[in-house]
């Protein structure tokens, strides 16, 4: 499977996050800096809450339900620190953002 165009860079500004469905995967794109885009699973590993309903402060993705926090560059859990978000490969070509979903599955944590 190849990379699939998800959006343009103009659709995702620095400090923003946006939810997309790509090949049946709910994916959260975050823009942590100019042309720095990461793609993570779009649901919190705690209780399957859409992360797009939470907050993104430019460094952390914060779930609205129980305030779980994740590093926006790595997907690693901050609070709690024993969980993580699955990350999807991202490629930027020109002004377009592409994501590859093959081989990536959402991660789930303790409750």
PDB file of N, CA and C in Angstrom:
ATOM      1  N   UNK A   1       0.856  -1.179   0.000  1.00  0.00           N
ATOM      2  CA  UNK A   1       0.000   0.000   0.000  1.00  0.00           C
ATOM      3  C   UNK A   1       0.894   1.232   0.000  1.00  0.00           C
ATOM      4  N   UNK A   2       0.395   2.287  -0.554  1.00  0.00           N
ATOM      5  CA  UNK A   2       1.185   3.495  -0.708  1.00  0.00           C
ATOM      6  C   UNK A   2       0.662   4.615   0.180  1.00  0.00           C
ATOM      7  N   UNK A   3       1.370   5.721   0.124  1.00  0.00           N
ATOM      8  CA  UNK A   3       0.922   6.915   0.829  1.00  0.00           C
ATOM      9  C   UNK A   3      -0.318   7.479   0.132  1.00  0.00           C
ATOM     10  N   UNK A   4      -1.240   7.996   0.942  1.00  0.00           N
ATOM     11  CA  UNK A   4      -2.495   8.548   0.434  1.00  0.00           C
ATOM     12  C   UNK A   4      -2.571  10.020   0.819  1.00  0.00           C
ATOM     13  N   UNK A   5      -2.945  10.845  -0.157  1.00  0.00           N
ATOM     14  CA  UNK A   5      -3.087  12.265   0.135  1.00  0.00           C
ATOM     15  C   UNK A   5      -4.253  12.470   1.101  1.00  0.00           C
ATOM     16  N   UNK A   6      -3.972  13.201   2.182  1.00  0.00           N
ATOM     17  CA  UNK A   6      -4.978  13.445   3.211  1.00  0.00           C
ATOM     18  C   UNK A   6      -5.485  14.883   3.154  1.00  0.00           C
ATOM     19  N   UNK A   7      -4.570  15.823   2.973  1.00  0.00           N
ATOM     20  CA  UNK A   7      -4.958  17.232   2.931  1.00  0.00           C
ATOM     21  C   UNK A   7      -3.786  18.054   2.410  1.00  0.00           C
ATOM     22  N   UNK A   8      -3.992  19.349   2.322  1.00  0.00           N
ATOM     23  CA  UNK A   8      -2.915  20.269   1.975  1.00  0.00           C
ATOM     24  C   UNK A   8      -2.363  20.895   3.243  1.00  0.00           C
ATOM     25  N   UNK A   9      -1.141  21.394   3.167  1.00  0.00           N
ATOM     26  CA  UNK A   9      -0.553  22.062   4.334  1.00  0.00           C
ATOM     27  C   UNK A   9      -1.370  23.279   4.755  1.00  0.00           C
ATOM     28  N   UNK A  10      -2.046  23.911   3.814  1.00  0.00           N
ATOM     29  CA  UNK A  10      -2.883  25.070   4.138  1.00  0.00           C
ATOM     30  C   UNK A  10      -4.114  24.684   4.946  1.00  0.00           C
ATOM     31  N   UNK A  11      -4.453  23.387   4.963  1.00  0.00           N
ATOM     32  CA  UNK A  11      -5.615  22.907   5.722  1.00  0.00           C
ATOM     33  C   UNK A  11      -5.287  22.648   7.189  1.00  0.00           C
ATOM     34  N   UNK A  12      -4.006  22.677   7.526  1.00  0.00           N
ATOM     35  CA  UNK A  12      -3.574  22.350   8.886  1.00  0.00           C
ATOM     36  C   UNK A  12      -2.503  23.346   9.305  1.00  0.00           C
ATOM     37  N   UNK A  13      -2.883  24.333  10.060  1.00  0.00           N
ATOM     38  CA  UNK A  13      -1.959  25.395  10.451  1.00  0.00           C
ATOM     39  C   UNK A  13      -1.148  24.979  11.667  1.00  0.00           C
ATOM     40  N   UNK A  14      -0.036  25.637  11.867  1.00  0.00           N
ATOM     41  CA  UNK A  14       0.817  25.369  13.026  1.00  0.00           C
ATOM     42  C   UNK A  14       0.002  25.513  14.309  1.00  0.00           C
ATOM     43  N   UNK A  15       0.114  24.516  15.187  1.00  0.00           N
ATOM     44  CA  UNK A  15      -0.623  24.521  16.451  1.00  0.00           C
ATOM     45  C   UNK A  15      -2.021  23.954  16.345  1.00  0.00           C
ATOM     46  N   UNK A  16      -2.383  23.422  15.177  1.00  0.00           N
ATOM     47  CA  UNK A  16      -3.721  22.857  14.993  1.00  0.00           C
ATOM     48  C   UNK A  16      -3.672  21.339  14.876  1.00  0.00           C
ATOM     49  N   UNK A  17      -4.825  20.725  15.102  1.00  0.00           N
ATOM     50  CA  UNK A  17      -5.000  19.294  14.869  1.00  0.00           C
ATOM     51  C   UNK A  17      -6.312  19.100  14.130  1.00  0.00           C
ATOM     52  N   UNK A  18      -6.367  18.025  13.370  1.00  0.00           N
ATOM     53  CA  UNK A  18      -7.565  17.750  12.579  1.00  0.00           C
ATOM     54  C   UNK A  18      -7.719  16.245  12.420  1.00  0.00           C
ATOM     55  N   UNK A  19      -8.946  15.768  12.459  1.00  0.00           N
ATOM     56  CA  UNK A  19      -9.249  14.343  12.342  1.00  0.00           C
ATOM     57  C   UNK A  19      -9.586  13.993  10.891  1.00  0.00           C
ATOM     58  N   UNK A  20      -9.081  12.829  10.421  1.00  0.00           N
ATOM     59  CA  UNK A  20      -9.360  12.334   9.077  1.00  0.00           C
ATOM     60  C   UNK A  20      -9.585  10.827   9.143  1.00  0.00           C
ATOM     61  N   UNK A  21     -10.372  10.310   8.216  1.00  0.00           N
ATOM     62  CA  UNK A  21     -10.522   8.867   8.052  1.00  0.00           C
ATOM     63  C   UNK A  21      -9.746   8.496   6.794  1.00  0.00           C
ATOM     64  N   UNK A  22      -8.764   7.599   6.938  1.00  0.00           N
ATOM     65  CA  UNK A  22      -7.927   7.171   5.824  1.00  0.00           C
ATOM     66  C   UNK A  22      -7.900   5.646   5.819  1.00  0.00           C
ATOM     67  N   UNK A  23      -8.399   5.040   4.759  1.00  0.00           N
ATOM     68  CA  UNK A  23      -8.460   3.568   4.649  1.00  0.00           C
ATOM     69  C   UNK A  23      -9.107   2.926   5.879  1.00  0.00           C
ATOM     70  N   UNK A  24     -10.138   3.546   6.414  1.00  0.00           N
ATOM     71  CA  UNK A  24     -10.844   2.999   7.571  1.00  0.00           C
ATOM     72  C   UNK A  24     -10.173   3.283   8.904  1.00  0.00           C
ATOM     73  N   UNK A  25      -9.049   3.998   8.904  1.00  0.00           N
ATOM     74  CA  UNK A  25      -8.341   4.358  10.130  1.00  0.00           C
ATOM     75  C   UNK A  25      -8.722   5.785  10.525  1.00  0.00           C
ATOM     76  N   UNK A  26      -9.066   5.970  11.793  1.00  0.00           N
ATOM     77  CA  UNK A  26      -9.303   7.326  12.290  1.00  0.00           C
ATOM     78  C   UNK A  26      -7.947   7.899  12.670  1.00  0.00           C
ATOM     79  N   UNK A  27      -7.550   8.953  11.973  1.00  0.00           N
ATOM     80  CA  UNK A  27      -6.213   9.515  12.123  1.00  0.00           C
ATOM     81  C   UNK A  27      -6.296  10.976  12.542  1.00  0.00           C
ATOM     82  N   UNK A  28      -5.452  11.329  13.511  1.00  0.00           N
ATOM     83  CA  UNK A  28      -5.344  12.705  13.973  1.00  0.00           C
ATOM     84  C   UNK A  28      -4.046  13.278  13.425  1.00  0.00           C
ATOM     85  N   UNK A  29      -4.156  14.330  12.610  1.00  0.00           N
ATOM     86  CA  UNK A  29      -2.970  15.038  12.149  1.00  0.00           C
ATOM     87  C   UNK A  29      -2.739  16.224  13.061  1.00  0.00           C
ATOM     88  N   UNK A  30      -1.498  16.421  13.484  1.00  0.00           N
ATOM     89  CA  UNK A  30      -1.133  17.581  14.292  1.00  0.00           C
ATOM     90  C   UNK A  30       0.006  18.308  13.597  1.00  0.00           C
ATOM     91  N   UNK A  31      -0.032  19.615  13.663  1.00  0.00           N
ATOM     92  CA  UNK A  31       1.033  20.435  13.092  1.00  0.00           C
ATOM     93  C   UNK A  31       1.757  21.105  14.252  1.00  0.00           C
ATOM     94  N   UNK A  32       2.931  20.562  14.571  1.00  0.00           N
ATOM     95  CA  UNK A  32       3.700  21.047  15.721  1.00  0.00           C
ATOM     96  C   UNK A  32       4.671  22.157  15.340  1.00  0.00           C
ATOM     97  N   UNK A  33       4.765  22.491  14.082  1.00  0.00           N
ATOM     98  CA  UNK A  33       5.653  23.550  13.611  1.00  0.00           C
ATOM     99  C   UNK A  33       5.499  23.677  12.118  1.00  0.00           C
ATOM    100  N   UNK A  34       6.161  24.660  11.543  1.00  0.00           N
ATOM    101  CA  UNK A  34       6.054  24.863  10.108  1.00  0.00           C
ATOM    102  C   UNK A  34       6.519  23.619   9.370  1.00  0.00           C
ATOM    103  N   UNK A  35       5.602  23.007   8.640  1.00  0.00           N
ATOM    104  CA  UNK A  35       5.861  21.793   7.858  1.00  0.00           C
ATOM    105  C   UNK A  35       6.261  20.598   8.735  1.00  0.00           C
ATOM    106  N   UNK A  36       5.939  20.648  10.034  1.00  0.00           N
ATOM    107  CA  UNK A  36       6.169  19.514  10.935  1.00  0.00           C
ATOM    108  C   UNK A  36       4.804  18.912  11.258  1.00  0.00           C
ATOM    109  N   UNK A  37       4.455  17.866  10.524  1.00  0.00           N
ATOM    110  CA  UNK A  37       3.140  17.241  10.678  1.00  0.00           C
ATOM    111  C   UNK A  37       3.344  15.798  11.133  1.00  0.00           C
ATOM    112  N   UNK A  38       2.587  15.407  12.141  1.00  0.00           N
ATOM    113  CA  UNK A  38       2.608  14.034  12.639  1.00  0.00           C
ATOM    114  C   UNK A  38       1.201  13.465  12.522  1.00  0.00           C
ATOM    115  N   UNK A  39       1.123  12.144  12.358  1.00  0.00           N
ATOM    116  CA  UNK A  39      -0.173  11.459  12.259  1.00  0.00           C
ATOM    117  C   UNK A  39      -0.231  10.376  13.321  1.00  0.00           C
ATOM    118  N   UNK A  40      -1.262  10.409  14.138  1.00  0.00           N
ATOM    119  CA  UNK A  40      -1.451   9.442  15.213  1.00  0.00           C
ATOM    120  C   UNK A  40      -2.849   8.839  15.130  1.00  0.00           C
ATOM    121  N   UNK A  41      -3.046   7.754  15.858  1.00  0.00           N
ATOM    122  CA  UNK A  41      -4.402   7.210  15.956  1.00  0.00           C
ATOM    123  C   UNK A  41      -5.298   8.322  16.470  1.00  0.00           C
ATOM    124  N   UNK A  42      -6.530   8.353  15.986  1.00  0.00           N
ATOM    125  CA  UNK A  42      -7.432   9.448  16.310  1.00  0.00           C
ATOM    126  C   UNK A  42      -8.248   9.261  17.568  1.00  0.00           C
ATOM    127  N   UNK A  43      -8.054   8.140  18.264  1.00  0.00           N
ATOM    128  CA  UNK A  43      -8.816   7.891  19.492  1.00  0.00           C
ATOM    129  C   UNK A  43      -7.858   7.667  20.657  1.00  0.00           C
ATOM    130  N   UNK A  44      -8.292   8.102  21.815  1.00  0.00           N
ATOM    131  CA  UNK A  44      -7.500   7.914  23.029  1.00  0.00           C
ATOM    132  C   UNK A  44      -7.407   6.418  23.342  1.00  0.00           C
ATOM    133  N   UNK A  45      -6.224   5.936  23.689  1.00  0.00           N
ATOM    134  CA  UNK A  45      -6.078   4.516  23.999  1.00  0.00           C
ATOM    135  C   UNK A  45      -6.767   4.109  25.300  1.00  0.00           C
ATOM    136  N   UNK A  46      -7.251   5.075  26.048  1.00  0.00           N
ATOM    137  CA  UNK A  46      -7.903   4.787  27.321  1.00  0.00           C
ATOM    138  C   UNK A  46      -9.314   4.259  27.116  1.00  0.00           C
ATOM    139  N   UNK A  47     -10.177   5.084  26.491  1.00  0.00           N
ATOM    140  CA  UNK A  47     -11.572   4.676  26.332  1.00  0.00           C
ATOM    141  C   UNK A  47     -12.146   5.029  24.973  1.00  0.00           C
ATOM    142  N   UNK A  48     -11.283   5.063  23.949  1.00  0.00           N
ATOM    143  CA  UNK A  48     -11.760   5.230  22.570  1.00  0.00           C
ATOM    144  C   UNK A  48     -12.440   6.579  22.310  1.00  0.00           C
ATOM    145  N   UNK A  49     -12.101   7.610  23.052  1.00  0.00           N
ATOM    146  CA  UNK A  49     -12.669   8.956  22.865  1.00  0.00           C
ATOM    147  C   UNK A  49     -11.920   9.637  21.719  1.00  0.00           C
ATOM    148  N   UNK A  50     -12.620  10.297  20.787  1.00  0.00           N
ATOM    149  CA  UNK A  50     -11.935  11.000  19.698  1.00  0.00           C
ATOM    150  C   UNK A  50     -11.015  12.094  20.245  1.00  0.00           C
ATOM    151  N   UNK A  51      -9.744  12.024  19.891  1.00  0.00           N
ATOM    152  CA  UNK A  51      -8.779  13.012  20.377  1.00  0.00           C
ATOM    153  C   UNK A  51      -9.017  14.387  19.768  1.00  0.00           C
ATOM    154  N   UNK A  52      -9.687  14.447  18.631  1.00  0.00           N
ATOM    155  CA  UNK A  52      -9.981  15.739  18.012  1.00  0.00           C
ATOM    156  C   UNK A  52     -10.942  16.571  18.863  1.00  0.00           C
ATOM    157  N   UNK A  53     -11.623  15.932  19.817  1.00  0.00           N
ATOM    158  CA  UNK A  53     -12.518  16.656  20.729  1.00  0.00           C
ATOM    159  C   UNK A  53     -11.754  17.247  21.905  1.00  0.00           C
ATOM    160  N   UNK A  54     -10.473  16.915  22.009  1.00  0.00           N
ATOM    161  CA  UNK A  54      -9.641  17.417  23.101  1.00  0.00           C
ATOM    162  C   UNK A  54      -8.930  18.697  22.708  1.00  0.00           C
ATOM    163  N   UNK A  55      -7.724  18.871  23.273  1.00  0.00           N
ATOM    164  CA  UNK A  55      -6.954  20.085  23.037  1.00  0.00           C
ATOM    165  C   UNK A  55      -5.566  19.728  22.529  1.00  0.00           C
ATOM    166  N   UNK A  56      -4.968  20.671  21.824  1.00  0.00           N
ATOM    167  CA  UNK A  56      -3.591  20.561  21.362  1.00  0.00           C
ATOM    168  C   UNK A  56      -2.936  21.906  21.636  1.00  0.00           C
ATOM    169  N   UNK A  57      -1.912  21.916  22.482  1.00  0.00           N
ATOM    170  CA  UNK A  57      -1.268  23.181  22.846  1.00  0.00           C
ATOM    171  C   UNK A  57       0.020  23.435  22.072  1.00  0.00           C
ATOM    172  N   UNK A  58       0.234  22.678  21.010  1.00  0.00           N
ATOM    173  CA  UNK A  58       1.444  22.817  20.220  1.00  0.00           C
ATOM    174  C   UNK A  58       2.521  21.830  20.621  1.00  0.00           C
ATOM    175  N   UNK A  59       2.394  21.262  21.820  1.00  0.00           N
ATOM    176  CA  UNK A  59       3.356  20.281  22.319  1.00  0.00           C
ATOM    177  C   UNK A  59       2.693  18.990  22.790  1.00  0.00           C
ATOM    178  N   UNK A  60       1.475  19.132  23.327  1.00  0.00           N
ATOM    179  CA  UNK A  60       0.762  17.984  23.892  1.00  0.00           C
ATOM    180  C   UNK A  60      -0.629  17.871  23.281  1.00  0.00           C
ATOM    181  N   UNK A  61      -1.044  16.617  23.066  1.00  0.00           N
ATOM    182  CA  UNK A  61      -2.419  16.303  22.697  1.00  0.00           C
ATOM    183  C   UNK A  61      -3.092  15.883  23.994  1.00  0.00           C
ATOM    184  N   UNK A  62      -4.230  16.490  24.310  1.00  0.00           N
ATOM    185  CA  UNK A  62      -4.894  16.240  25.593  1.00  0.00           C
ATOM    186  C   UNK A  62      -6.313  15.752  25.340  1.00  0.00           C
ATOM    187  N   UNK A  63      -6.618  14.550  25.828  1.00  0.00           N
ATOM    188  CA  UNK A  63      -7.954  13.982  25.676  1.00  0.00           C
ATOM    189  C   UNK A  63      -8.943  14.724  26.573  1.00  0.00           C
ATOM    190  N   UNK A  64     -10.115  14.991  26.044  1.00  0.00           N
ATOM    191  CA  UNK A  64     -11.128  15.743  26.801  1.00  0.00           C
ATOM    192  C   UNK A  64     -11.721  14.950  27.960  1.00  0.00           C
ATOM    193  N   UNK A  65     -11.757  13.630  27.835  1.00  0.00           N
ATOM    194  CA  UNK A  65     -12.491  12.825  28.817  1.00  0.00           C
ATOM    195  C   UNK A  65     -11.795  12.740  30.168  1.00  0.00           C
ATOM    196  N   UNK A  66     -10.548  12.321  30.181  1.00  0.00           N
ATOM    197  CA  UNK A  66      -9.837  12.131  31.450  1.00  0.00           C
ATOM    198  C   UNK A  66      -8.498  12.846  31.481  1.00  0.00           C
ATOM    199  N   UNK A  67      -8.316  13.750  30.496  1.00  0.00           N
ATOM    200  CA  UNK A  67      -7.135  14.602  30.409  1.00  0.00           C
ATOM    201  C   UNK A  67      -5.825  13.834  30.240  1.00  0.00           C
ATOM    202  N   UNK A  68      -5.885  12.650  29.630  1.00  0.00           N
ATOM    203  CA  UNK A  68      -4.654  11.945  29.286  1.00  0.00           C
ATOM    204  C   UNK A  68      -3.888  12.827  28.308  1.00  0.00           C
ATOM    205  N   UNK A  69      -2.565  12.849  28.436  1.00  0.00           N
ATOM    206  CA  UNK A  69      -1.724  13.711  27.616  1.00  0.00           C
ATOM    207  C   UNK A  69      -0.689  12.893  26.850  1.00  0.00           C
ATOM    208  N   UNK A  70      -0.417  13.331  25.600  1.00  0.00           N
ATOM    209  CA  UNK A  70       0.519  12.634  24.726  1.00  0.00           C
ATOM    210  C   UNK A  70       1.442  13.644  24.057  1.00  0.00           C
ATOM    211  N   UNK A  71       2.701  13.284  23.926  1.00  0.00           N
ATOM    212  CA  UNK A  71       3.685  14.120  23.255  1.00  0.00           C
ATOM    213  C   UNK A  71       3.328  14.214  21.773  1.00  0.00           C
ATOM    214  N   UNK A  72       3.219  15.430  21.249  1.00  0.00           N
ATOM    215  CA  UNK A  72       2.785  15.637  19.867  1.00  0.00           C
ATOM    216  C   UNK A  72       3.870  15.301  18.843  1.00  0.00           C
ATOM    217  N   UNK A  73       5.101  15.086  19.287  1.00  0.00           N
ATOM    218  CA  UNK A  73       6.172  14.713  18.352  1.00  0.00           C
ATOM    219  C   UNK A  73       6.389  13.207  18.297  1.00  0.00           C
ATOM    220  N   UNK A  74       6.081  12.507  19.393  1.00  0.00           N
ATOM    221  CA  UNK A  74       6.363  11.068  19.463  1.00  0.00           C
ATOM    222  C   UNK A  74       5.138  10.206  19.683  1.00  0.00           C
ATOM    223  N   UNK A  75       4.064  10.776  20.236  1.00  0.00           N
ATOM    224  CA  UNK A  75       2.876  10.001  20.587  1.00  0.00           C
ATOM    225  C   UNK A  75       2.990   9.309  21.932  1.00  0.00           C
ATOM    226  N   UNK A  76       4.146   9.425  22.576  1.00  0.00           N
ATOM    227  CA  UNK A  76       4.359   8.777  23.882  1.00  0.00           C
ATOM    228  C   UNK A  76       3.491   9.439  24.940  1.00  0.00           C
ATOM    229  N   UNK A  77       2.956   8.618  25.836  1.00  0.00           N
ATOM    230  CA  UNK A  77       2.146   9.135  26.926  1.00  0.00           C
ATOM    231  C   UNK A  77       2.967   9.971  27.890  1.00  0.00           C
ATOM    232  N   UNK A  78       2.381  11.081  28.318  1.00  0.00           N
ATOM    233  CA  UNK A  78       2.997  11.950  29.323  1.00  0.00           C
ATOM    234  C   UNK A  78       2.314  11.716  30.658  1.00  0.00           C
ATOM    235  N   UNK A  79       0.988  11.685  30.617  1.00  0.00           N
ATOM    236  CA  UNK A  79       0.206  11.455  31.822  1.00  0.00           C
ATOM    237  C   UNK A  79      -1.034  10.656  31.437  1.00  0.00           C
ATOM    238  N   UNK A  80      -1.018   9.344  31.663  1.00  0.00           N
ATOM    239  CA  UNK A  80       0.045   8.546  32.264  1.00  0.00           C
ATOM    240  C   UNK A  80       1.169   8.274  31.252  1.00  0.00           C
ATOM    241  N   UNK A  81       2.301   7.846  31.776  1.00  0.00           N
ATOM    242  CA  UNK A  81       3.468   7.653  30.915  1.00  0.00           C
ATOM    243  C   UNK A  81       3.658   6.210  30.446  1.00  0.00           C
ATOM    244  N   UNK A  82       2.698   5.344  30.747  1.00  0.00           N
ATOM    245  CA  UNK A  82       2.829   3.937  30.350  1.00  0.00           C
ATOM    246  C   UNK A  82       1.913   3.565  29.186  1.00  0.00           C
ATOM    247  N   UNK A  83       1.635   4.549  28.327  1.00  0.00           N
ATOM    248  CA  UNK A  83       0.815   4.295  27.145  1.00  0.00           C
ATOM    249  C   UNK A  83       1.367   5.129  26.001  1.00  0.00           C
ATOM    250  N   UNK A  84       0.804   4.950  24.822  1.00  0.00           N
ATOM    251  CA  UNK A  84       1.255   5.704  23.650  1.00  0.00           C
ATOM    252  C   UNK A  84       0.174   5.685  22.583  1.00  0.00           C
ATOM    253  N   UNK A  85       0.333   6.574  21.621  1.00  0.00           N
ATOM    254  CA  UNK A  85      -0.520   6.596  20.435  1.00  0.00           C
ATOM    255  C   UNK A  85       0.235   5.926  19.297  1.00  0.00           C
ATOM    256  N   UNK A  86      -0.465   5.142  18.505  1.00  0.00           N
ATOM    257  CA  UNK A  86       0.144   4.581  17.301  1.00  0.00           C
ATOM    258  C   UNK A  86       0.429   5.736  16.345  1.00  0.00           C
ATOM    259  N   UNK A  87       1.605   5.684  15.706  1.00  0.00           N
ATOM    260  CA  UNK A  87       1.976   6.745  14.769  1.00  0.00           C
ATOM    261  C   UNK A  87       1.990   6.202  13.349  1.00  0.00           C
ATOM    262  N   UNK A  88       1.476   6.998  12.433  1.00  0.00           N
ATOM    263  CA  UNK A  88       1.441   6.652  11.018  1.00  0.00           C
ATOM    264  C   UNK A  88       2.538   7.428  10.290  1.00  0.00           C
ATOM    265  N   UNK A  89       3.191   6.803   9.322  1.00  0.00           N
ATOM    266  CA  UNK A  89       4.187   7.528   8.526  1.00  0.00           C
ATOM    267  C   UNK A  89       3.541   8.675   7.749  1.00  0.00           C
ATOM    268  N   UNK A  90       4.231   9.817   7.734  1.00  0.00           N
ATOM    269  CA  UNK A  90       3.762  11.007   7.025  1.00  0.00           C
ATOM    270  C   UNK A  90       4.816  11.412   6.002  1.00  0.00           C
ATOM    271  N   UNK A  91       4.335  11.862   4.859  1.00  0.00           N
ATOM    272  CA  UNK A  91       5.226  12.377   3.821  1.00  0.00           C
ATOM    273  C   UNK A  91       4.625  13.676   3.316  1.00  0.00           C
ATOM    274  N   UNK A  92       5.476  14.686   3.156  1.00  0.00           N
ATOM    275  CA  UNK A  92       5.022  15.956   2.612  1.00  0.00           C
ATOM    276  C   UNK A  92       5.673  16.125   1.240  1.00  0.00           C
ATOM    277  N   UNK A  93       4.826  16.308   0.248  1.00  0.00           N
ATOM    278  CA  UNK A  93       5.301  16.555  -1.109  1.00  0.00           C
ATOM    279  C   UNK A  93       4.688  17.858  -1.581  1.00  0.00           C
ATOM    280  N   UNK A  94       5.541  18.827  -1.844  1.00  0.00           N
ATOM    281  CA  UNK A  94       5.034  20.148  -2.206  1.00  0.00           C
ATOM    282  C   UNK A  94       4.224  20.700  -1.056  1.00  0.00           C
ATOM    283  N   UNK A  95       2.955  20.972  -1.296  1.00  0.00           N
ATOM    284  CA  UNK A  95       2.069  21.484  -0.250  1.00  0.00           C
ATOM    285  C   UNK A  95       1.025  20.460   0.173  1.00  0.00           C
ATOM    286  N   UNK A  96       1.284  19.179  -0.112  1.00  0.00           N
ATOM    287  CA  UNK A  96       0.333  18.124   0.214  1.00  0.00           C
ATOM    288  C   UNK A  96       0.865  17.213   1.308  1.00  0.00           C
ATOM    289  N   UNK A  97      -0.049  16.745   2.168  1.00  0.00           N
ATOM    290  CA  UNK A  97       0.284  15.834   3.259  1.00  0.00           C
ATOM    291  C   UNK A  97      -0.247  14.449   2.911  1.00  0.00           C
ATOM    292  N   UNK A  98       0.625  13.460   2.974  1.00  0.00           N
ATOM    293  CA  UNK A  98       0.297  12.072   2.676  1.00  0.00           C
ATOM    294  C   UNK A  98       0.534  11.222   3.915  1.00  0.00           C
ATOM    295  N   UNK A  99      -0.312  10.196   4.096  1.00  0.00           N
ATOM    296  CA  UNK A  99      -0.198   9.276   5.225  1.00  0.00           C
ATOM    297  C   UNK A  99      -0.241   7.854   4.705  1.00  0.00           C
ATOM    298  N   UNK A 100       0.525   6.978   5.333  1.00  0.00           N
ATOM    299  CA  UNK A 100       0.525   5.549   5.008  1.00  0.00           C
ATOM    300  C   UNK A 100      -0.077   4.791   6.187  1.00  0.00           C
ATOM    301  N   UNK A 101      -1.094   3.978   5.920  1.00  0.00           N
ATOM    302  CA  UNK A 101      -1.791   3.274   7.003  1.00  0.00           C
ATOM    303  C   UNK A 101      -1.379   1.808   7.128  1.00  0.00           C
ATOM    304  N   UNK A 102      -0.769   1.264   6.104  1.00  0.00           N
ATOM    305  CA  UNK A 102      -0.433  -0.155   6.091  1.00  0.00           C
ATOM    306  C   UNK A 102       0.438  -0.551   7.285  1.00  0.00           C
ATOM    307  N   UNK A 103       0.011  -1.591   7.990  1.00  0.00           N
ATOM    308  CA  UNK A 103       0.786  -2.143   9.092  1.00  0.00           C
ATOM    309  C   UNK A 103       0.663  -1.412  10.412  1.00  0.00           C
ATOM    310  N   UNK A 104      -0.171  -0.387  10.492  1.00  0.00           N
ATOM    311  CA  UNK A 104      -0.325   0.374  11.738  1.00  0.00           C
ATOM    312  C   UNK A 104      -1.698   0.067  12.338  1.00  0.00           C
ATOM    313  N   UNK A 105      -1.697  -0.261  13.612  1.00  0.00           N
ATOM    314  CA  UNK A 105      -2.939  -0.524  14.341  1.00  0.00           C
ATOM    315  C   UNK A 105      -2.985   0.366  15.575  1.00  0.00           C
ATOM    316  N   UNK A 106      -4.191   0.833  15.918  1.00  0.00           N
ATOM    317  CA  UNK A 106      -4.355   1.650  17.119  1.00  0.00           C
ATOM    318  C   UNK A 106      -3.913   0.866  18.356  1.00  0.00           C
ATOM    319  N   UNK A 107      -3.347   1.582  19.304  1.00  0.00           N
ATOM    320  CA  UNK A 107      -2.902   0.987  20.563  1.00  0.00           C
ATOM    321  C   UNK A 107      -3.943   1.272  21.642  1.00  0.00           C
ATOM    322  N   UNK A 108      -4.078   0.342  22.578  1.00  0.00           N
ATOM    323  CA  UNK A 108      -4.998   0.544  23.684  1.00  0.00           C
ATOM    324  C   UNK A 108      -4.298   0.237  24.998  1.00  0.00           C
ATOM    325  N   UNK A 109      -4.674   0.962  26.030  1.00  0.00           N
ATOM    326  CA  UNK A 109      -3.977   0.897  27.318  1.00  0.00           C
ATOM    327  C   UNK A 109      -4.877   0.330  28.395  1.00  0.00           C
ATOM    328  N   UNK A 110      -4.322   0.319  29.571  1.00  0.00           N
ATOM    329  CA  UNK A 110      -5.108  -0.110  30.731  1.00  0.00           C
ATOM    330  C   UNK A 110      -6.274   0.840  30.919  1.00  0.00           C
ATOM    331  N   UNK A 111      -7.250   0.475  31.688  1.00  0.00           N
ATOM    332  CA  UNK A 111      -8.391   1.355  31.958  1.00  0.00           C
ATOM    333  C   UNK A 111      -8.271   1.861  33.333  1.00  0.00           C
TER     334      UNK A 111
END
